[in-house]
Amino acid sequence: MLCDQPLVTPALLLTMIKQQQAGHAPVVAAAYGGTLGVPAVFSADSFPALRQLASAEGARKVIASYGNSAGSVPFPGGIFDVDTPAQYASLLENDMGDQATEDSDLPTEPLA
């Protein structure tokens, strides 16, 4: 997980965990913006590859290495990240939190 994706919900994370456990995929990643990315749930077999990443490198390289073996969960809100107060204000103004979490049956508060 990243700390700048305020639209991540408990429901999204639980869906990803359940899919990984049920299908035993090496990774289940969030699908947004035409790609797979974080948040993601990795099997223990993925840990060596994750440990080899350079400090500035994200997990996208490891996720991509699994190709069609990677599972995915739709997360349209994943394209929104908040790095500045202006981006946060824009997120609130556009009411994106409601759109990203409307299908959830769990509380929709973003994780802190």
N, C-alpha and C. Protein backbone atom coordinates (compact mmCIF):
# COMPACT_ATOMS: atom_id res chain seq x y z
N MET A 1 0.83 -1.18 0.00
CA MET A 1 0.00 0.00 0.00
C MET A 1 0.87 1.23 0.00
N LEU A 2 0.28 2.28 -0.53
CA LEU A 2 0.91 3.59 -0.47
C LEU A 2 0.08 4.49 0.44
N CYS A 3 0.70 5.46 1.02
CA CYS A 3 -0.03 6.35 1.92
C CYS A 3 -0.71 7.49 1.17
N ASP A 4 -0.49 7.63 -0.13
CA ASP A 4 -1.08 8.76 -0.86
C ASP A 4 -2.29 8.36 -1.70
N GLN A 5 -2.90 7.22 -1.42
CA GLN A 5 -4.11 6.78 -2.11
C GLN A 5 -5.26 6.79 -1.10
N PRO A 6 -5.91 7.93 -0.92
CA PRO A 6 -6.91 8.05 0.14
C PRO A 6 -8.21 7.29 -0.13
N LEU A 7 -8.40 6.78 -1.33
CA LEU A 7 -9.65 6.10 -1.64
C LEU A 7 -9.61 4.60 -1.41
N VAL A 8 -8.50 4.11 -0.88
CA VAL A 8 -8.41 2.69 -0.51
C VAL A 8 -9.37 2.47 0.66
N THR A 9 -10.16 1.42 0.57
CA THR A 9 -11.13 1.11 1.63
C THR A 9 -10.87 -0.28 2.20
N PRO A 10 -11.40 -0.54 3.38
CA PRO A 10 -11.30 -1.89 3.91
C PRO A 10 -11.93 -2.92 2.97
N ALA A 11 -13.02 -2.56 2.31
CA ALA A 11 -13.70 -3.49 1.39
C ALA A 11 -12.78 -3.87 0.24
N LEU A 12 -12.05 -2.92 -0.31
CA LEU A 12 -11.11 -3.21 -1.40
C LEU A 12 -10.04 -4.19 -0.93
N LEU A 13 -9.46 -3.91 0.22
CA LEU A 13 -8.39 -4.76 0.74
C LEU A 13 -8.90 -6.17 1.03
N LEU A 14 -10.07 -6.28 1.61
CA LEU A 14 -10.63 -7.60 1.90
C LEU A 14 -10.92 -8.37 0.61
N THR A 15 -11.42 -7.68 -0.40
CA THR A 15 -11.66 -8.34 -1.69
C THR A 15 -10.37 -8.87 -2.27
N MET A 16 -9.31 -8.09 -2.20
CA MET A 16 -8.02 -8.51 -2.73
C MET A 16 -7.48 -9.71 -1.97
N ILE A 17 -7.58 -9.67 -0.66
CA ILE A 17 -7.09 -10.78 0.17
C ILE A 17 -7.88 -12.05 -0.13
N LYS A 18 -9.19 -11.93 -0.19
CA LYS A 18 -10.02 -13.11 -0.46
C LYS A 18 -9.72 -13.69 -1.83
N GLN A 19 -9.53 -12.84 -2.83
CA GLN A 19 -9.21 -13.34 -4.17
C GLN A 19 -7.87 -14.06 -4.18
N GLN A 20 -6.88 -13.50 -3.50
CA GLN A 20 -5.56 -14.13 -3.46
C GLN A 20 -5.64 -15.47 -2.75
N GLN A 21 -6.36 -15.54 -1.66
CA GLN A 21 -6.48 -16.78 -0.91
C GLN A 21 -7.25 -17.84 -1.69
N ALA A 22 -8.32 -17.43 -2.36
CA ALA A 22 -9.16 -18.39 -3.09
C ALA A 22 -8.47 -18.91 -4.34
N GLY A 23 -7.75 -18.04 -5.03
CA GLY A 23 -7.13 -18.44 -6.29
C GLY A 23 -5.66 -18.79 -6.19
N HIS A 24 -5.06 -18.50 -5.05
CA HIS A 24 -3.63 -18.75 -4.83
C HIS A 24 -2.77 -18.07 -5.90
N ALA A 25 -3.21 -16.91 -6.36
CA ALA A 25 -2.41 -16.14 -7.33
C ALA A 25 -1.15 -15.65 -6.63
N PRO A 26 -0.06 -15.53 -7.35
CA PRO A 26 1.17 -15.03 -6.73
C PRO A 26 1.02 -13.58 -6.28
N VAL A 27 0.14 -12.84 -6.96
CA VAL A 27 -0.14 -11.46 -6.59
C VAL A 27 -1.55 -11.12 -7.08
N VAL A 28 -2.24 -10.33 -6.29
CA VAL A 28 -3.51 -9.74 -6.70
C VAL A 28 -3.31 -8.24 -6.55
N ALA A 29 -3.46 -7.53 -7.65
CA ALA A 29 -3.18 -6.10 -7.68
C ALA A 29 -4.42 -5.30 -8.04
N ALA A 30 -4.39 -4.04 -7.68
CA ALA A 30 -5.47 -3.12 -8.02
C ALA A 30 -5.36 -2.76 -9.51
N ALA A 31 -6.50 -2.75 -10.18
CA ALA A 31 -6.54 -2.40 -11.60
C ALA A 31 -7.12 -1.00 -11.76
N TYR A 32 -6.33 -0.10 -12.34
CA TYR A 32 -6.79 1.27 -12.58
C TYR A 32 -5.91 1.91 -13.64
N GLY A 33 -6.49 2.83 -14.37
CA GLY A 33 -5.71 3.55 -15.38
C GLY A 33 -5.06 2.66 -16.41
N GLY A 34 -5.65 1.52 -16.74
CA GLY A 34 -5.09 0.63 -17.74
C GLY A 34 -3.88 -0.18 -17.28
N THR A 35 -3.67 -0.27 -15.98
CA THR A 35 -2.51 -1.00 -15.47
C THR A 35 -2.87 -1.70 -14.17
N LEU A 36 -1.95 -2.51 -13.69
CA LEU A 36 -2.07 -3.13 -12.37
C LEU A 36 -1.05 -2.46 -11.46
N GLY A 37 -1.47 -2.16 -10.25
CA GLY A 37 -0.55 -1.50 -9.32
C GLY A 37 -0.96 -1.75 -7.89
N VAL A 38 -0.47 -0.90 -7.04
CA VAL A 38 -0.76 -1.03 -5.61
C VAL A 38 -2.04 -0.28 -5.28
N PRO A 39 -2.71 -0.70 -4.24
CA PRO A 39 -2.33 -1.75 -3.32
C PRO A 39 -2.33 -3.12 -4.01
N ALA A 40 -1.57 -4.01 -3.44
CA ALA A 40 -1.47 -5.37 -3.97
C ALA A 40 -1.24 -6.33 -2.81
N VAL A 41 -1.68 -7.57 -3.02
CA VAL A 41 -1.46 -8.63 -2.04
C VAL A 41 -0.53 -9.65 -2.69
N PHE A 42 0.59 -9.89 -2.06
CA PHE A 42 1.60 -10.79 -2.61
C PHE A 42 1.66 -12.09 -1.81
N SER A 43 1.88 -13.19 -2.52
CA SER A 43 2.12 -14.45 -1.83
C SER A 43 3.53 -14.43 -1.25
N ALA A 44 3.80 -15.31 -0.33
CA ALA A 44 5.13 -15.38 0.28
C ALA A 44 6.20 -15.68 -0.76
N ASP A 45 5.84 -16.38 -1.83
CA ASP A 45 6.81 -16.69 -2.89
C ASP A 45 7.34 -15.43 -3.58
N SER A 46 6.60 -14.33 -3.46
CA SER A 46 6.99 -13.06 -4.10
C SER A 46 7.99 -12.26 -3.27
N PHE A 47 8.14 -12.59 -2.01
CA PHE A 47 8.96 -11.78 -1.12
C PHE A 47 10.40 -11.62 -1.58
N PRO A 48 11.08 -12.65 -2.07
CA PRO A 48 12.46 -12.44 -2.53
C PRO A 48 12.55 -11.38 -3.63
N ALA A 49 11.63 -11.41 -4.58
CA ALA A 49 11.65 -10.41 -5.66
C ALA A 49 11.37 -9.02 -5.11
N LEU A 50 10.48 -8.92 -4.15
CA LEU A 50 10.19 -7.61 -3.55
C LEU A 50 11.39 -7.07 -2.79
N ARG A 51 12.10 -7.96 -2.11
CA ARG A 51 13.29 -7.53 -1.35
C ARG A 51 14.40 -7.02 -2.25
N GLN A 52 14.43 -7.47 -3.50
CA GLN A 52 15.48 -7.06 -4.43
C GLN A 52 15.22 -5.70 -5.07
N LEU A 53 14.04 -5.13 -4.87
CA LEU A 53 13.73 -3.84 -5.46
C LEU A 53 14.60 -2.75 -4.84
N ALA A 54 15.03 -1.82 -5.67
CA ALA A 54 15.77 -0.67 -5.17
C ALA A 54 14.81 0.20 -4.36
N SER A 55 15.33 1.00 -3.47
CA SER A 55 14.48 1.76 -2.55
C SER A 55 13.47 2.65 -3.26
N ALA A 56 13.82 3.22 -4.38
CA ALA A 56 12.90 4.12 -5.09
C ALA A 56 12.00 3.37 -6.08
N GLU A 57 12.27 2.10 -6.25
CA GLU A 57 11.52 1.29 -7.21
C GLU A 57 10.22 0.81 -6.57
N GLY A 58 9.15 0.88 -7.31
CA GLY A 58 7.87 0.39 -6.81
C GLY A 58 7.68 -1.08 -7.14
N ALA A 59 6.61 -1.64 -6.64
CA ALA A 59 6.32 -3.05 -6.84
C ALA A 59 5.74 -3.35 -8.22
N ARG A 60 5.48 -2.33 -9.02
CA ARG A 60 4.88 -2.53 -10.35
C ARG A 60 5.69 -3.51 -11.19
N LYS A 61 7.01 -3.45 -11.07
CA LYS A 61 7.88 -4.35 -11.83
C LYS A 61 7.63 -5.82 -11.43
N VAL A 62 7.48 -6.06 -10.16
CA VAL A 62 7.21 -7.42 -9.68
C VAL A 62 5.82 -7.87 -10.12
N ILE A 63 4.85 -6.97 -9.99
CA ILE A 63 3.49 -7.30 -10.42
C ILE A 63 3.49 -7.66 -11.90
N ALA A 64 4.13 -6.86 -12.72
CA ALA A 64 4.17 -7.09 -14.17
C ALA A 64 4.88 -8.40 -14.51
N SER A 65 5.83 -8.80 -13.69
CA SER A 65 6.59 -10.02 -13.99
C SER A 65 5.72 -11.27 -13.96
N TYR A 66 4.58 -11.20 -13.31
CA TYR A 66 3.69 -12.36 -13.23
C TYR A 66 2.74 -12.46 -14.42
N GLY A 67 2.67 -11.44 -15.23
CA GLY A 67 1.84 -11.49 -16.43
C GLY A 67 0.42 -11.91 -16.13
N ASN A 68 -0.07 -12.90 -16.89
CA ASN A 68 -1.45 -13.36 -16.75
C ASN A 68 -1.71 -14.14 -15.46
N SER A 69 -0.66 -14.47 -14.72
CA SER A 69 -0.83 -15.17 -13.45
C SER A 69 -1.30 -14.23 -12.34
N ALA A 70 -1.12 -12.94 -12.57
CA ALA A 70 -1.52 -11.96 -11.57
C ALA A 70 -3.03 -11.80 -11.57
N GLY A 71 -3.61 -11.77 -10.39
CA GLY A 71 -5.03 -11.48 -10.27
C GLY A 71 -5.23 -9.98 -10.18
N SER A 72 -6.44 -9.53 -10.39
CA SER A 72 -6.71 -8.10 -10.30
C SER A 72 -8.09 -7.84 -9.73
N VAL A 73 -8.21 -6.69 -9.10
CA VAL A 73 -9.47 -6.21 -8.56
C VAL A 73 -9.64 -4.77 -9.06
N PRO A 74 -10.78 -4.47 -9.69
CA PRO A 74 -10.98 -3.10 -10.17
C PRO A 74 -10.94 -2.08 -9.02
N PHE A 75 -10.21 -1.02 -9.23
CA PHE A 75 -10.10 0.06 -8.25
C PHE A 75 -9.96 1.38 -9.00
N PRO A 76 -11.07 1.89 -9.56
CA PRO A 76 -11.00 3.14 -10.33
C PRO A 76 -10.39 4.29 -9.53
N GLY A 77 -10.59 4.29 -8.22
CA GLY A 77 -10.04 5.35 -7.38
C GLY A 77 -8.54 5.32 -7.25
N GLY A 78 -7.91 4.27 -7.76
CA GLY A 78 -6.46 4.15 -7.66
C GLY A 78 -5.70 5.20 -8.46
N ILE A 79 -6.36 5.79 -9.43
CA ILE A 79 -5.66 6.82 -10.23
C ILE A 79 -5.50 8.12 -9.46
N PHE A 80 -6.21 8.25 -8.34
CA PHE A 80 -6.13 9.48 -7.55
C PHE A 80 -5.15 9.28 -6.42
N ASP A 81 -4.11 10.08 -6.43
CA ASP A 81 -3.22 10.09 -5.28
C ASP A 81 -3.12 11.53 -4.79
N VAL A 82 -2.78 11.66 -3.55
CA VAL A 82 -2.76 12.97 -2.92
C VAL A 82 -1.37 13.23 -2.37
N ASP A 83 -0.68 14.15 -3.02
CA ASP A 83 0.67 14.51 -2.58
C ASP A 83 0.74 15.94 -2.07
N THR A 84 -0.28 16.74 -2.36
CA THR A 84 -0.26 18.15 -1.98
C THR A 84 -1.62 18.55 -1.40
N PRO A 85 -1.65 19.64 -0.63
CA PRO A 85 -2.95 20.14 -0.14
C PRO A 85 -3.90 20.48 -1.30
N ALA A 86 -3.38 20.96 -2.40
CA ALA A 86 -4.23 21.29 -3.55
C ALA A 86 -4.87 20.03 -4.13
N GLN A 87 -4.13 18.94 -4.21
CA GLN A 87 -4.70 17.69 -4.71
C GLN A 87 -5.77 17.17 -3.77
N TYR A 88 -5.55 17.32 -2.48
CA TYR A 88 -6.55 16.89 -1.51
C TYR A 88 -7.82 17.72 -1.66
N ALA A 89 -7.67 19.02 -1.79
CA ALA A 89 -8.83 19.90 -1.97
C ALA A 89 -9.59 19.53 -3.23
N SER A 90 -8.87 19.25 -4.29
CA SER A 90 -9.50 18.85 -5.55
C SER A 90 -10.27 17.55 -5.39
N LEU A 91 -9.70 16.62 -4.68
CA LEU A 91 -10.36 15.34 -4.43
C LEU A 91 -11.68 15.56 -3.69
N LEU A 92 -11.66 16.42 -2.68
CA LEU A 92 -12.87 16.71 -1.92
C LEU A 92 -13.90 17.44 -2.78
N GLU A 93 -13.45 18.39 -3.57
CA GLU A 93 -14.35 19.17 -4.43
C GLU A 93 -15.05 18.28 -5.45
N ASN A 94 -14.35 17.30 -5.97
CA ASN A 94 -14.91 16.43 -7.00
C ASN A 94 -15.68 15.26 -6.43
N ASP A 95 -15.73 15.15 -5.10
CA ASP A 95 -16.49 14.09 -4.44
C ASP A 95 -16.07 12.70 -4.92
N MET A 96 -14.80 12.52 -5.24
CA MET A 96 -14.32 11.26 -5.79
C MET A 96 -14.41 10.12 -4.78
N GLY A 97 -14.35 10.42 -3.50
CA GLY A 97 -14.44 9.37 -2.50
C GLY A 97 -15.74 8.61 -2.58
N ASP A 98 -16.84 9.31 -2.81
CA ASP A 98 -18.14 8.65 -2.92
C ASP A 98 -18.19 7.76 -4.15
N GLN A 99 -17.65 8.21 -5.26
CA GLN A 99 -17.68 7.42 -6.49
C GLN A 99 -16.84 6.16 -6.37
N ALA A 100 -15.72 6.23 -5.72
CA ALA A 100 -14.81 5.10 -5.64
C ALA A 100 -15.28 4.03 -4.68
N THR A 101 -16.15 4.38 -3.75
CA THR A 101 -16.52 3.43 -2.71
C THR A 101 -18.00 3.10 -2.70
N GLU A 102 -18.76 3.53 -3.67
CA GLU A 102 -20.21 3.37 -3.62
C GLU A 102 -20.67 1.92 -3.62
N ASP A 103 -19.89 0.99 -4.13
CA ASP A 103 -20.30 -0.40 -4.18
C ASP A 103 -19.92 -1.19 -2.93
N SER A 104 -19.27 -0.57 -2.01
CA SER A 104 -18.79 -1.27 -0.83
C SER A 104 -19.91 -1.54 0.17
N ASP A 105 -19.89 -2.72 0.78
CA ASP A 105 -20.86 -2.99 1.84
C ASP A 105 -20.22 -2.83 3.22
N LEU A 106 -18.99 -2.37 3.24
CA LEU A 106 -18.30 -2.08 4.48
C LEU A 106 -18.17 -0.57 4.63
N PRO A 107 -17.76 -0.08 5.78
CA PRO A 107 -17.57 1.37 5.95
C PRO A 107 -16.68 1.92 4.83
N THR A 108 -17.02 3.11 4.37
CA THR A 108 -16.33 3.68 3.22
C THR A 108 -15.26 4.68 3.59
N GLU A 109 -14.95 4.81 4.87
CA GLU A 109 -13.91 5.74 5.23
C GLU A 109 -12.57 5.28 4.68
N PRO A 110 -11.81 6.19 4.07
CA PRO A 110 -10.46 5.80 3.61
C PRO A 110 -9.60 5.38 4.79
N LEU A 111 -8.68 4.48 4.53
CA LEU A 111 -7.74 4.08 5.57
C LEU A 111 -6.75 5.20 5.81
N ALA A 112 -6.36 5.38 7.03
CA ALA A 112 -5.39 6.43 7.34
C ALA A 112 -4.00 5.90 7.20
